[in-house]
Amino acid sequence: MIGFRIAIDAMDRPTKVIALSDTRHVMVLQPGQPRTVAVPSAADVVLVNATADVWVQFGGAAVLPTADITDGSAPELNPDARLIRGITAIGLVSAAACLVNLVFYQGCAR
């Protein structure tokens, strides 16, 4: 698995450009049907992109919210980049059929 690296420009300043990952998953979601994905053991970072709104639960199964969730356990709507060190599963669910792309990296700073 590739380490998470940010490109540095000619003036030694960080850019918004990151290295390519060699660990990319695509999940096909059906409306209202949750999926759980095992996190690769070396992964510290995940980038999430989807073709529709997707609810993501880090560390377990996701539920499609149908009522208030006020105990702190709600899934996240459309997260982009997250540190996932120690997380073994990612739960996904969407109200619409969609594709979800998960791109994993290792070795991110704490």
PDB file of N, CA and C in Angstrom:
ATOM      1  N   MET A   1       0.853  -1.177   0.000  1.00  0.00           N
ATOM      2  CA  MET A   1       0.000   0.000   0.000  1.00  0.00           C
ATOM      3  C   MET A   1       0.897   1.238   0.000  1.00  0.00           C
ATOM      4  N   ILE A   2       0.515   2.214  -0.781  1.00  0.00           N
ATOM      5  CA  ILE A   2       1.272   3.462  -0.930  1.00  0.00           C
ATOM      6  C   ILE A   2       1.060   4.357   0.288  1.00  0.00           C
ATOM      7  N   GLY A   3       2.122   5.033   0.699  1.00  0.00           N
ATOM      8  CA  GLY A   3       2.016   6.004   1.787  1.00  0.00           C
ATOM      9  C   GLY A   3       1.332   7.272   1.310  1.00  0.00           C
ATOM     10  N   PHE A   4       0.626   7.936   2.219  1.00  0.00           N
ATOM     11  CA  PHE A   4      -0.053   9.195   1.905  1.00  0.00           C
ATOM     12  C   PHE A   4       1.001  10.291   1.849  1.00  0.00           C
ATOM     13  N   ARG A   5       1.167  10.892   0.672  1.00  0.00           N
ATOM     14  CA  ARG A   5       2.173  11.935   0.481  1.00  0.00           C
ATOM     15  C   ARG A   5       1.550  13.113  -0.253  1.00  0.00           C
ATOM     16  N   ILE A   6       1.936  14.279   0.173  1.00  0.00           N
ATOM     17  CA  ILE A   6       1.509  15.514  -0.486  1.00  0.00           C
ATOM     18  C   ILE A   6       2.703  16.044  -1.275  1.00  0.00           C
ATOM     19  N   ALA A   7       2.465  16.438  -2.520  1.00  0.00           N
ATOM     20  CA  ALA A   7       3.536  16.967  -3.368  1.00  0.00           C
ATOM     21  C   ALA A   7       3.986  18.333  -2.856  1.00  0.00           C
ATOM     22  N   ILE A   8       5.272  18.584  -2.989  1.00  0.00           N
ATOM     23  CA  ILE A   8       5.877  19.864  -2.612  1.00  0.00           C
ATOM     24  C   ILE A   8       6.267  20.589  -3.897  1.00  0.00           C
ATOM     25  N   ASP A   9       5.962  21.881  -3.956  1.00  0.00           N
ATOM     26  CA  ASP A   9       6.291  22.631  -5.173  1.00  0.00           C
ATOM     27  C   ASP A   9       7.758  23.082  -5.164  1.00  0.00           C
ATOM     28  N   ALA A  10       8.154  23.806  -6.195  1.00  0.00           N
ATOM     29  CA  ALA A  10       9.543  24.240  -6.349  1.00  0.00           C
ATOM     30  C   ALA A  10       9.995  25.198  -5.249  1.00  0.00           C
ATOM     31  N   MET A  11       9.044  25.800  -4.542  1.00  0.00           N
ATOM     32  CA  MET A  11       9.365  26.726  -3.450  1.00  0.00           C
ATOM     33  C   MET A  11       9.297  26.020  -2.088  1.00  0.00           C
ATOM     34  N   ASP A  12       9.250  24.672  -2.106  1.00  0.00           N
ATOM     35  CA  ASP A  12       9.160  23.847  -0.891  1.00  0.00           C
ATOM     36  C   ASP A  12       7.882  24.085  -0.098  1.00  0.00           C
ATOM     37  N   ARG A  13       6.803  24.422  -0.800  1.00  0.00           N
ATOM     38  CA  ARG A  13       5.500  24.589  -0.151  1.00  0.00           C
ATOM     39  C   ARG A  13       4.622  23.397  -0.499  1.00  0.00           C
ATOM     40  N   PRO A  14       3.809  22.909   0.463  1.00  0.00           N
ATOM     41  CA  PRO A  14       2.896  21.802   0.161  1.00  0.00           C
ATOM     42  C   PRO A  14       1.828  22.231  -0.846  1.00  0.00           C
ATOM     43  N   THR A  15       1.447  21.296  -1.693  1.00  0.00           N
ATOM     44  CA  THR A  15       0.399  21.549  -2.684  1.00  0.00           C
ATOM     45  C   THR A  15      -0.837  20.724  -2.327  1.00  0.00           C
ATOM     46  N   LYS A  16      -1.871  20.804  -3.136  1.00  0.00           N
ATOM     47  CA  LYS A  16      -3.069  19.989  -2.952  1.00  0.00           C
ATOM     48  C   LYS A  16      -2.980  18.666  -3.717  1.00  0.00           C
ATOM     49  N   VAL A  17      -1.819  18.370  -4.267  1.00  0.00           N
ATOM     50  CA  VAL A  17      -1.614  17.173  -5.068  1.00  0.00           C
ATOM     51  C   VAL A  17      -1.132  16.040  -4.163  1.00  0.00           C
ATOM     52  N   ILE A  18      -1.788  14.866  -4.285  1.00  0.00           N
ATOM     53  CA  ILE A  18      -1.385  13.715  -3.483  1.00  0.00           C
ATOM     54  C   ILE A  18      -0.923  12.582  -4.391  1.00  0.00           C
ATOM     55  N   ALA A  19      -0.188  11.645  -3.811  1.00  0.00           N
ATOM     56  CA  ALA A  19       0.305  10.492  -4.558  1.00  0.00           C
ATOM     57  C   ALA A  19      -0.852   9.577  -4.944  1.00  0.00           C
ATOM     58  N   LEU A  20      -0.669   8.819  -6.038  1.00  0.00           N
ATOM     59  CA  LEU A  20      -1.641   7.808  -6.443  1.00  0.00           C
ATOM     60  C   LEU A  20      -1.641   6.668  -5.433  1.00  0.00           C
ATOM     61  N   SER A  21      -2.791   6.067  -5.200  1.00  0.00           N
ATOM     62  CA  SER A  21      -2.891   4.908  -4.326  1.00  0.00           C
ATOM     63  C   SER A  21      -2.904   3.631  -5.162  1.00  0.00           C
ATOM     64  N   ASP A  22      -2.382   2.564  -4.595  1.00  0.00           N
ATOM     65  CA  ASP A  22      -2.473   1.261  -5.256  1.00  0.00           C
ATOM     66  C   ASP A  22      -3.543   0.378  -4.603  1.00  0.00           C
ATOM     67  N   THR A  23      -4.340   0.971  -3.701  1.00  0.00           N
ATOM     68  CA  THR A  23      -5.396   0.220  -3.013  1.00  0.00           C
ATOM     69  C   THR A  23      -6.695   1.010  -3.118  1.00  0.00           C
ATOM     70  N   ARG A  24      -7.465   0.682  -4.164  1.00  0.00           N
ATOM     71  CA  ARG A  24      -8.718   1.399  -4.456  1.00  0.00           C
ATOM     72  C   ARG A  24      -9.843   0.388  -4.570  1.00  0.00           C
ATOM     73  N   HIS A  25     -10.960   0.682  -3.915  1.00  0.00           N
ATOM     74  CA  HIS A  25     -12.138  -0.191  -3.982  1.00  0.00           C
ATOM     75  C   HIS A  25     -13.304   0.599  -4.561  1.00  0.00           C
ATOM     76  N   VAL A  26     -14.180  -0.083  -5.283  1.00  0.00           N
ATOM     77  CA  VAL A  26     -15.453   0.488  -5.726  1.00  0.00           C
ATOM     78  C   VAL A  26     -16.553  -0.435  -5.226  1.00  0.00           C
ATOM     79  N   MET A  27     -17.522   0.143  -4.547  1.00  0.00           N
ATOM     80  CA  MET A  27     -18.649  -0.618  -4.028  1.00  0.00           C
ATOM     81  C   MET A  27     -19.904  -0.170  -4.765  1.00  0.00           C
ATOM     82  N   VAL A  28     -20.729  -1.132  -5.172  1.00  0.00           N
ATOM     83  CA  VAL A  28     -22.004  -0.854  -5.825  1.00  0.00           C
ATOM     84  C   VAL A  28     -23.087  -0.946  -4.752  1.00  0.00           C
ATOM     85  N   LEU A  29     -23.739   0.182  -4.482  1.00  0.00           N
ATOM     86  CA  LEU A  29     -24.799   0.220  -3.471  1.00  0.00           C
ATOM     87  C   LEU A  29     -26.170   0.217  -4.126  1.00  0.00           C
ATOM     88  N   GLN A  30     -27.062  -0.551  -3.559  1.00  0.00           N
ATOM     89  CA  GLN A  30     -28.471  -0.535  -3.947  1.00  0.00           C
ATOM     90  C   GLN A  30     -29.231   0.307  -2.929  1.00  0.00           C
ATOM     91  N   PRO A  31     -30.308   0.952  -3.317  1.00  0.00           N
ATOM     92  CA  PRO A  31     -31.028   1.852  -2.409  1.00  0.00           C
ATOM     93  C   PRO A  31     -31.407   1.183  -1.091  1.00  0.00           C
ATOM     94  N   GLY A  32     -30.963   1.808   0.008  1.00  0.00           N
ATOM     95  CA  GLY A  32     -31.333   1.363   1.341  1.00  0.00           C
ATOM     96  C   GLY A  32     -30.691   0.080   1.818  1.00  0.00           C
ATOM     97  N   GLN A  33     -29.774  -0.496   1.039  1.00  0.00           N
ATOM     98  CA  GLN A  33     -29.130  -1.758   1.420  1.00  0.00           C
ATOM     99  C   GLN A  33     -27.701  -1.494   1.890  1.00  0.00           C
ATOM    100  N   PRO A  34     -27.462  -1.607   3.203  1.00  0.00           N
ATOM    101  CA  PRO A  34     -26.124  -1.313   3.729  1.00  0.00           C
ATOM    102  C   PRO A  34     -25.083  -2.326   3.277  1.00  0.00           C
ATOM    103  N   ARG A  35     -23.859  -1.855   3.164  1.00  0.00           N
ATOM    104  CA  ARG A  35     -22.700  -2.703   2.851  1.00  0.00           C
ATOM    105  C   ARG A  35     -21.619  -2.375   3.878  1.00  0.00           C
ATOM    106  N   THR A  36     -20.838  -3.371   4.231  1.00  0.00           N
ATOM    107  CA  THR A  36     -19.691  -3.166   5.116  1.00  0.00           C
ATOM    108  C   THR A  36     -18.442  -3.626   4.380  1.00  0.00           C
ATOM    109  N   VAL A  37     -17.403  -2.803   4.442  1.00  0.00           N
ATOM    110  CA  VAL A  37     -16.151  -3.061   3.747  1.00  0.00           C
ATOM    111  C   VAL A  37     -15.044  -3.243   4.782  1.00  0.00           C
ATOM    112  N   ALA A  38     -14.263  -4.298   4.650  1.00  0.00           N
ATOM    113  CA  ALA A  38     -13.099  -4.490   5.517  1.00  0.00           C
ATOM    114  C   ALA A  38     -12.013  -3.490   5.122  1.00  0.00           C
ATOM    115  N   VAL A  39     -11.422  -2.857   6.113  1.00  0.00           N
ATOM    116  CA  VAL A  39     -10.338  -1.908   5.870  1.00  0.00           C
ATOM    117  C   VAL A  39      -9.030  -2.691   5.745  1.00  0.00           C
ATOM    118  N   PRO A  40      -8.242  -2.443   4.710  1.00  0.00           N
ATOM    119  CA  PRO A  40      -6.945  -3.113   4.603  1.00  0.00           C
ATOM    120  C   PRO A  40      -6.116  -2.866   5.874  1.00  0.00           C
ATOM    121  N   SER A  41      -5.397  -3.876   6.325  1.00  0.00           N
ATOM    122  CA  SER A  41      -4.717  -3.805   7.621  1.00  0.00           C
ATOM    123  C   SER A  41      -3.703  -2.671   7.734  1.00  0.00           C
ATOM    124  N   ALA A  42      -3.073  -2.265   6.664  1.00  0.00           N
ATOM    125  CA  ALA A  42      -2.064  -1.207   6.723  1.00  0.00           C
ATOM    126  C   ALA A  42      -2.645   0.193   6.529  1.00  0.00           C
ATOM    127  N   ALA A  43      -3.936   0.311   6.298  1.00  0.00           N
ATOM    128  CA  ALA A  43      -4.532   1.609   5.955  1.00  0.00           C
ATOM    129  C   ALA A  43      -4.625   2.541   7.164  1.00  0.00           C
ATOM    130  N   ASP A  44      -4.217   3.789   6.948  1.00  0.00           N
ATOM    131  CA  ASP A  44      -4.338   4.855   7.948  1.00  0.00           C
ATOM    132  C   ASP A  44      -5.292   5.950   7.493  1.00  0.00           C
ATOM    133  N   VAL A  45      -5.489   6.056   6.175  1.00  0.00           N
ATOM    134  CA  VAL A  45      -6.291   7.125   5.574  1.00  0.00           C
ATOM    135  C   VAL A  45      -7.209   6.524   4.522  1.00  0.00           C
ATOM    136  N   VAL A  46      -8.436   7.065   4.441  1.00  0.00           N
ATOM    137  CA  VAL A  46      -9.327   6.705   3.342  1.00  0.00           C
ATOM    138  C   VAL A  46      -9.888   7.989   2.736  1.00  0.00           C
ATOM    139  N   LEU A  47      -9.971   8.003   1.420  1.00  0.00           N
ATOM    140  CA  LEU A  47     -10.659   9.060   0.684  1.00  0.00           C
ATOM    141  C   LEU A  47     -11.938   8.439   0.152  1.00  0.00           C
ATOM    142  N   VAL A  48     -13.079   9.126   0.333  1.00  0.00           N
ATOM    143  CA  VAL A  48     -14.388   8.587  -0.051  1.00  0.00           C
ATOM    144  C   VAL A  48     -15.024   9.504  -1.087  1.00  0.00           C
ATOM    145  N   ASN A  49     -15.465   8.925  -2.192  1.00  0.00           N
ATOM    146  CA  ASN A  49     -16.213   9.644  -3.221  1.00  0.00           C
ATOM    147  C   ASN A  49     -17.358   8.755  -3.680  1.00  0.00           C
ATOM    148  N   ALA A  50     -18.497   9.362  -4.010  1.00  0.00           N
ATOM    149  CA  ALA A  50     -19.655   8.582  -4.432  1.00  0.00           C
ATOM    150  C   ALA A  50     -20.423   9.336  -5.508  1.00  0.00           C
ATOM    151  N   THR A  51     -21.216   8.579  -6.274  1.00  0.00           N
ATOM    152  CA  THR A  51     -22.019   9.175  -7.345  1.00  0.00           C
ATOM    153  C   THR A  51     -23.371   9.669  -6.849  1.00  0.00           C
ATOM    154  N   ALA A  52     -23.670   9.463  -5.565  1.00  0.00           N
ATOM    155  CA  ALA A  52     -24.878   9.984  -4.915  1.00  0.00           C
ATOM    156  C   ALA A  52     -24.541  10.182  -3.443  1.00  0.00           C
ATOM    157  N   ASP A  53     -25.459  10.777  -2.686  1.00  0.00           N
ATOM    158  CA  ASP A  53     -25.223  10.919  -1.253  1.00  0.00           C
ATOM    159  C   ASP A  53     -25.055   9.553  -0.611  1.00  0.00           C
ATOM    160  N   VAL A  54     -24.025   9.430   0.221  1.00  0.00           N
ATOM    161  CA  VAL A  54     -23.768   8.168   0.923  1.00  0.00           C
ATOM    162  C   VAL A  54     -23.501   8.455   2.395  1.00  0.00           C
ATOM    163  N   TRP A  55     -24.089   7.630   3.253  1.00  0.00           N
ATOM    164  CA  TRP A  55     -23.871   7.708   4.700  1.00  0.00           C
ATOM    165  C   TRP A  55     -22.782   6.702   5.037  1.00  0.00           C
ATOM    166  N   VAL A  56     -21.785   7.139   5.811  1.00  0.00           N
ATOM    167  CA  VAL A  56     -20.624   6.304   6.132  1.00  0.00           C
ATOM    168  C   VAL A  56     -20.487   6.188   7.645  1.00  0.00           C
ATOM    169  N   GLN A  57     -20.305   4.953   8.114  1.00  0.00           N
ATOM    170  CA  GLN A  57     -20.058   4.702   9.533  1.00  0.00           C
ATOM    171  C   GLN A  57     -18.682   4.067   9.656  1.00  0.00           C
ATOM    172  N   PHE A  58     -17.770   4.731  10.336  1.00  0.00           N
ATOM    173  CA  PHE A  58     -16.424   4.207  10.511  1.00  0.00           C
ATOM    174  C   PHE A  58     -16.406   3.297  11.735  1.00  0.00           C
ATOM    175  N   GLY A  59     -16.037   2.034  11.519  1.00  0.00           N
ATOM    176  CA  GLY A  59     -15.957   1.078  12.607  1.00  0.00           C
ATOM    177  C   GLY A  59     -17.123   0.123  12.699  1.00  0.00           C
ATOM    178  N   GLY A  60     -18.086   0.227  11.789  1.00  0.00           N
ATOM    179  CA  GLY A  60     -19.221  -0.691  11.837  1.00  0.00           C
ATOM    180  C   GLY A  60     -20.213  -0.426  10.727  1.00  0.00           C
ATOM    181  N   ALA A  61     -21.369  -1.066  10.846  1.00  0.00           N
ATOM    182  CA  ALA A  61     -22.409  -0.957   9.824  1.00  0.00           C
ATOM    183  C   ALA A  61     -23.062   0.433   9.854  1.00  0.00           C
ATOM    184  N   ALA A  62     -23.422   0.924   8.688  1.00  0.00           N
ATOM    185  CA  ALA A  62     -24.122   2.203   8.571  1.00  0.00           C
ATOM    186  C   ALA A  62     -25.626   1.958   8.491  1.00  0.00           C
ATOM    187  N   VAL A  63     -26.389   2.910   9.008  1.00  0.00           N
ATOM    188  CA  VAL A  63     -27.842   2.863   8.877  1.00  0.00           C
ATOM    189  C   VAL A  63     -28.291   4.115   8.136  1.00  0.00           C
ATOM    190  N   LEU A  64     -29.330   3.951   7.341  1.00  0.00           N
ATOM    191  CA  LEU A  64     -29.907   5.090   6.638  1.00  0.00           C
ATOM    192  C   LEU A  64     -30.788   5.835   7.634  1.00  0.00           C
ATOM    193  N   PRO A  65     -30.437   7.060   8.008  1.00  0.00           N
ATOM    194  CA  PRO A  65     -31.212   7.774   9.021  1.00  0.00           C
ATOM    195  C   PRO A  65     -32.662   7.998   8.577  1.00  0.00           C
ATOM    196  N   THR A  66     -33.582   7.668   9.478  1.00  0.00           N
ATOM    197  CA  THR A  66     -35.004   7.923   9.246  1.00  0.00           C
ATOM    198  C   THR A  66     -35.610   8.707  10.402  1.00  0.00           C
ATOM    199  N   ALA A  67     -34.788   9.007  11.392  1.00  0.00           N
ATOM    200  CA  ALA A  67     -35.203   9.787  12.561  1.00  0.00           C
ATOM    201  C   ALA A  67     -33.959  10.459  13.134  1.00  0.00           C
ATOM    202  N   ASP A  68     -34.168  11.330  14.108  1.00  0.00           N
ATOM    203  CA  ASP A  68     -33.046  11.991  14.770  1.00  0.00           C
ATOM    204  C   ASP A  68     -32.125  10.957  15.419  1.00  0.00           C
ATOM    205  N   ILE A  69     -30.814  11.212  15.329  1.00  0.00           N
ATOM    206  CA  ILE A  69     -29.806  10.417  16.037  1.00  0.00           C
ATOM    207  C   ILE A  69     -28.992  11.416  16.839  1.00  0.00           C
ATOM    208  N   THR A  70     -29.205  11.458  18.127  1.00  0.00           N
ATOM    209  CA  THR A  70     -28.586  12.502  18.953  1.00  0.00           C
ATOM    210  C   THR A  70     -27.648  11.953  20.027  1.00  0.00           C
ATOM    211  N   ASP A  71     -27.291  10.687  19.923  1.00  0.00           N
ATOM    212  CA  ASP A  71     -26.400  10.095  20.929  1.00  0.00           C
ATOM    213  C   ASP A  71     -24.937  10.070  20.493  1.00  0.00           C
ATOM    214  N   GLY A  72     -24.612  10.731  19.381  1.00  0.00           N
ATOM    215  CA  GLY A  72     -23.239  10.783  18.899  1.00  0.00           C
ATOM    216  C   GLY A  72     -22.846   9.651  17.975  1.00  0.00           C
ATOM    217  N   SER A  73     -23.753   8.731  17.676  1.00  0.00           N
ATOM    218  CA  SER A  73     -23.416   7.548  16.871  1.00  0.00           C
ATOM    219  C   SER A  73     -23.856   7.647  15.420  1.00  0.00           C
ATOM    220  N   ALA A  74     -24.296   8.808  14.971  1.00  0.00           N
ATOM    221  CA  ALA A  74     -24.808   8.959  13.609  1.00  0.00           C
ATOM    222  C   ALA A  74     -23.714   8.716  12.576  1.00  0.00           C
ATOM    223  N   PRO A  75     -24.083   8.157  11.429  1.00  0.00           N
ATOM    224  CA  PRO A  75     -23.112   8.051  10.334  1.00  0.00           C
ATOM    225  C   PRO A  75     -22.836   9.436   9.755  1.00  0.00           C
ATOM    226  N   GLU A  76     -21.752   9.545   8.978  1.00  0.00           N
ATOM    227  CA  GLU A  76     -21.405  10.815   8.338  1.00  0.00           C
ATOM    228  C   GLU A  76     -21.903  10.830   6.903  1.00  0.00           C
ATOM    229  N   LEU A  77     -22.426  11.973   6.484  1.00  0.00           N
ATOM    230  CA  LEU A  77     -22.886  12.146   5.110  1.00  0.00           C
ATOM    231  C   LEU A  77     -21.740  12.664   4.244  1.00  0.00           C
ATOM    232  N   ASN A  78     -21.386  11.889   3.240  1.00  0.00           N
ATOM    233  CA  ASN A  78     -20.393  12.283   2.233  1.00  0.00           C
ATOM    234  C   ASN A  78     -19.057  12.775   2.800  1.00  0.00           C
ATOM    235  N   PRO A  79     -18.429  12.011   3.702  1.00  0.00           N
ATOM    236  CA  PRO A  79     -17.109  12.459   4.150  1.00  0.00           C
ATOM    237  C   PRO A  79     -16.124  12.371   2.993  1.00  0.00           C
ATOM    238  N   ASP A  80     -15.048  13.147   3.051  1.00  0.00           N
ATOM    239  CA  ASP A  80     -14.072  13.028   1.968  1.00  0.00           C
ATOM    240  C   ASP A  80     -12.815  12.299   2.432  1.00  0.00           C
ATOM    241  N   ALA A  81     -12.009  12.860   3.285  1.00  0.00           N
ATOM    242  CA  ALA A  81     -10.794  12.198   3.764  1.00  0.00           C
ATOM    243  C   ALA A  81     -10.874  12.026   5.275  1.00  0.00           C
ATOM    244  N   ARG A  82     -10.503  10.840   5.748  1.00  0.00           N
ATOM    245  CA  ARG A  82     -10.543  10.565   7.189  1.00  0.00           C
ATOM    246  C   ARG A  82      -9.339   9.724   7.588  1.00  0.00           C
ATOM    247  N   LEU A  83      -8.783  10.025   8.773  1.00  0.00           N
ATOM    248  CA  LEU A  83      -7.801   9.145   9.400  1.00  0.00           C
ATOM    249  C   LEU A  83      -8.562   7.945   9.936  1.00  0.00           C
ATOM    250  N   ILE A  84      -8.110   6.742   9.615  1.00  0.00           N
ATOM    251  CA  ILE A  84      -8.841   5.540  10.022  1.00  0.00           C
ATOM    252  C   ILE A  84      -7.951   4.544  10.758  1.00  0.00           C
ATOM    253  N   ARG A  85      -6.837   5.010  11.286  1.00  0.00           N
ATOM    254  CA  ARG A  85      -5.929   4.110  12.012  1.00  0.00           C
ATOM    255  C   ARG A  85      -6.718   3.383  13.097  1.00  0.00           C
ATOM    256  N   GLY A  86      -6.651   2.049  13.119  1.00  0.00           N
ATOM    257  CA  GLY A  86      -7.354   1.260  14.118  1.00  0.00           C
ATOM    258  C   GLY A  86      -8.777   0.879  13.745  1.00  0.00           C
ATOM    259  N   ILE A  87      -9.304   1.424  12.649  1.00  0.00           N
ATOM    260  CA  ILE A  87     -10.652   1.090  12.180  1.00  0.00           C
ATOM    261  C   ILE A  87     -10.545  -0.160  11.301  1.00  0.00           C
ATOM    262  N   THR A  88     -11.399  -1.149  11.537  1.00  0.00           N
ATOM    263  CA  THR A  88     -11.312  -2.393  10.762  1.00  0.00           C
ATOM    264  C   THR A  88     -12.416  -2.541   9.724  1.00  0.00           C
ATOM    265  N   ALA A  89     -13.466  -1.716   9.824  1.00  0.00           N
ATOM    266  CA  ALA A  89     -14.579  -1.823   8.869  1.00  0.00           C
ATOM    267  C   ALA A  89     -15.170  -0.450   8.615  1.00  0.00           C
ATOM    268  N   ILE A  90     -15.709  -0.287   7.418  1.00  0.00           N
ATOM    269  CA  ILE A  90     -16.403   0.940   7.031  1.00  0.00           C
ATOM    270  C   ILE A  90     -17.778   0.532   6.523  1.00  0.00           C
ATOM    271  N   GLY A  91     -18.824   1.104   7.123  1.00  0.00           N
ATOM    272  CA  GLY A  91     -20.186   0.839   6.698  1.00  0.00           C
ATOM    273  C   GLY A  91     -20.664   1.907   5.739  1.00  0.00           C
ATOM    274  N   LEU A  92     -21.404   1.497   4.707  1.00  0.00           N
ATOM    275  CA  LEU A  92     -21.905   2.396   3.673  1.00  0.00           C
ATOM    276  C   LEU A  92     -23.390   2.132   3.456  1.00  0.00           C
ATOM    277  N   VAL A  93     -24.157   3.197   3.232  1.00  0.00           N
ATOM    278  CA  VAL A  93     -25.555   3.041   2.832  1.00  0.00           C
ATOM    279  C   VAL A  93     -25.982   4.320   2.118  1.00  0.00           C
ATOM    280  N   SER A  94     -26.893   4.166   1.155  1.00  0.00           N
ATOM    281  CA  SER A  94     -27.399   5.301   0.384  1.00  0.00           C
ATOM    282  C   SER A  94     -28.880   5.098   0.104  1.00  0.00           C
ATOM    283  N   ALA A  95     -29.609   6.187  -0.009  1.00  0.00           N
ATOM    284  CA  ALA A  95     -31.018   6.103  -0.377  1.00  0.00           C
ATOM    285  C   ALA A  95     -31.192   5.842  -1.871  1.00  0.00           C
ATOM    286  N   ALA A  96     -30.104   6.043  -2.635  1.00  0.00           N
ATOM    287  CA  ALA A  96     -30.160   5.870  -4.094  1.00  0.00           C
ATOM    288  C   ALA A  96     -29.101   4.857  -4.526  1.00  0.00           C
ATOM    289  N   ALA A  97     -29.336   4.221  -5.647  1.00  0.00           N
ATOM    290  CA  ALA A  97     -28.305   3.358  -6.220  1.00  0.00           C
ATOM    291  C   ALA A  97     -27.099   4.230  -6.571  1.00  0.00           C
ATOM    292  N   CYS A  98     -25.907   3.770  -6.214  1.00  0.00           N
ATOM    293  CA  CYS A  98     -24.717   4.570  -6.513  1.00  0.00           C
ATOM    294  C   CYS A  98     -23.468   3.717  -6.454  1.00  0.00           C
ATOM    295  N   LEU A  99     -22.381   4.311  -6.886  1.00  0.00           N
ATOM    296  CA  LEU A  99     -21.050   3.734  -6.772  1.00  0.00           C
ATOM    297  C   LEU A  99     -20.289   4.525  -5.712  1.00  0.00           C
ATOM    298  N   VAL A 100     -19.544   3.824  -4.877  1.00  0.00           N
ATOM    299  CA  VAL A 100     -18.708   4.468  -3.860  1.00  0.00           C
ATOM    300  C   VAL A 100     -17.269   4.040  -4.090  1.00  0.00           C
ATOM    301  N   ASN A 101     -16.384   5.011  -4.179  1.00  0.00           N
ATOM    302  CA  ASN A 101     -14.960   4.763  -4.374  1.00  0.00           C
ATOM    303  C   ASN A 101     -14.246   5.010  -3.049  1.00  0.00           C
ATOM    304  N   LEU A 102     -13.517   4.007  -2.569  1.00  0.00           N
ATOM    305  CA  LEU A 102     -12.715   4.109  -1.351  1.00  0.00           C
ATOM    306  C   LEU A 102     -11.255   3.974  -1.750  1.00  0.00           C
ATOM    307  N   VAL A 103     -10.448   4.978  -1.428  1.00  0.00           N
ATOM    308  CA  VAL A 103      -9.030   4.992  -1.788  1.00  0.00           C
ATOM    309  C   VAL A 103      -8.238   5.006  -0.484  1.00  0.00           C
ATOM    310  N   PHE A 104      -7.402   3.985  -0.284  1.00  0.00           N
ATOM    311  CA  PHE A 104      -6.696   3.799   0.976  1.00  0.00           C
ATOM    312  C   PHE A 104      -5.213   4.152   0.849  1.00  0.00           C
ATOM    313  N   TYR A 105      -4.667   4.699   1.957  1.00  0.00           N
ATOM    314  CA  TYR A 105      -3.240   5.019   2.071  1.00  0.00           C
ATOM    315  C   TYR A 105      -2.743   4.586   3.437  1.00  0.00           C
ATOM    316  N   GLN A 106      -1.439   4.407   3.553  1.00  0.00           N
ATOM    317  CA  GLN A 106      -0.834   4.106   4.846  1.00  0.00           C
ATOM    318  C   GLN A 106       0.163   5.183   5.214  1.00  0.00           C
ATOM    319  N   GLY A 107       0.553   5.200   6.483  1.00  0.00           N
ATOM    320  CA  GLY A 107       1.679   6.020   6.917  1.00  0.00           C
ATOM    321  C   GLY A 107       1.414   7.486   7.076  1.00  0.00           C
ATOM    322  N   CYS A 108       0.185   7.893   7.308  1.00  0.00           N
ATOM    323  CA  CYS A 108      -0.099   9.303   7.526  1.00  0.00           C
ATOM    324  C   CYS A 108       0.349   9.696   8.938  1.00  0.00           C
ATOM    325  N   ALA A 109       0.789  10.922   9.101  1.00  0.00           N
ATOM    326  CA  ALA A 109       1.204  11.411  10.423  1.00  0.00           C
ATOM    327  C   ALA A 109       0.027  11.433  11.375  1.00  0.00           C
ATOM    328  N   ARG A 110       0.311  11.365  12.659  1.00  0.00           N
ATOM    329  CA  ARG A 110      -0.738  11.340  13.681  1.00  0.00           C
ATOM    330  C   ARG A 110      -1.464  12.642  13.783  1.00  0.00           C
TER     331      ARG A 110
END
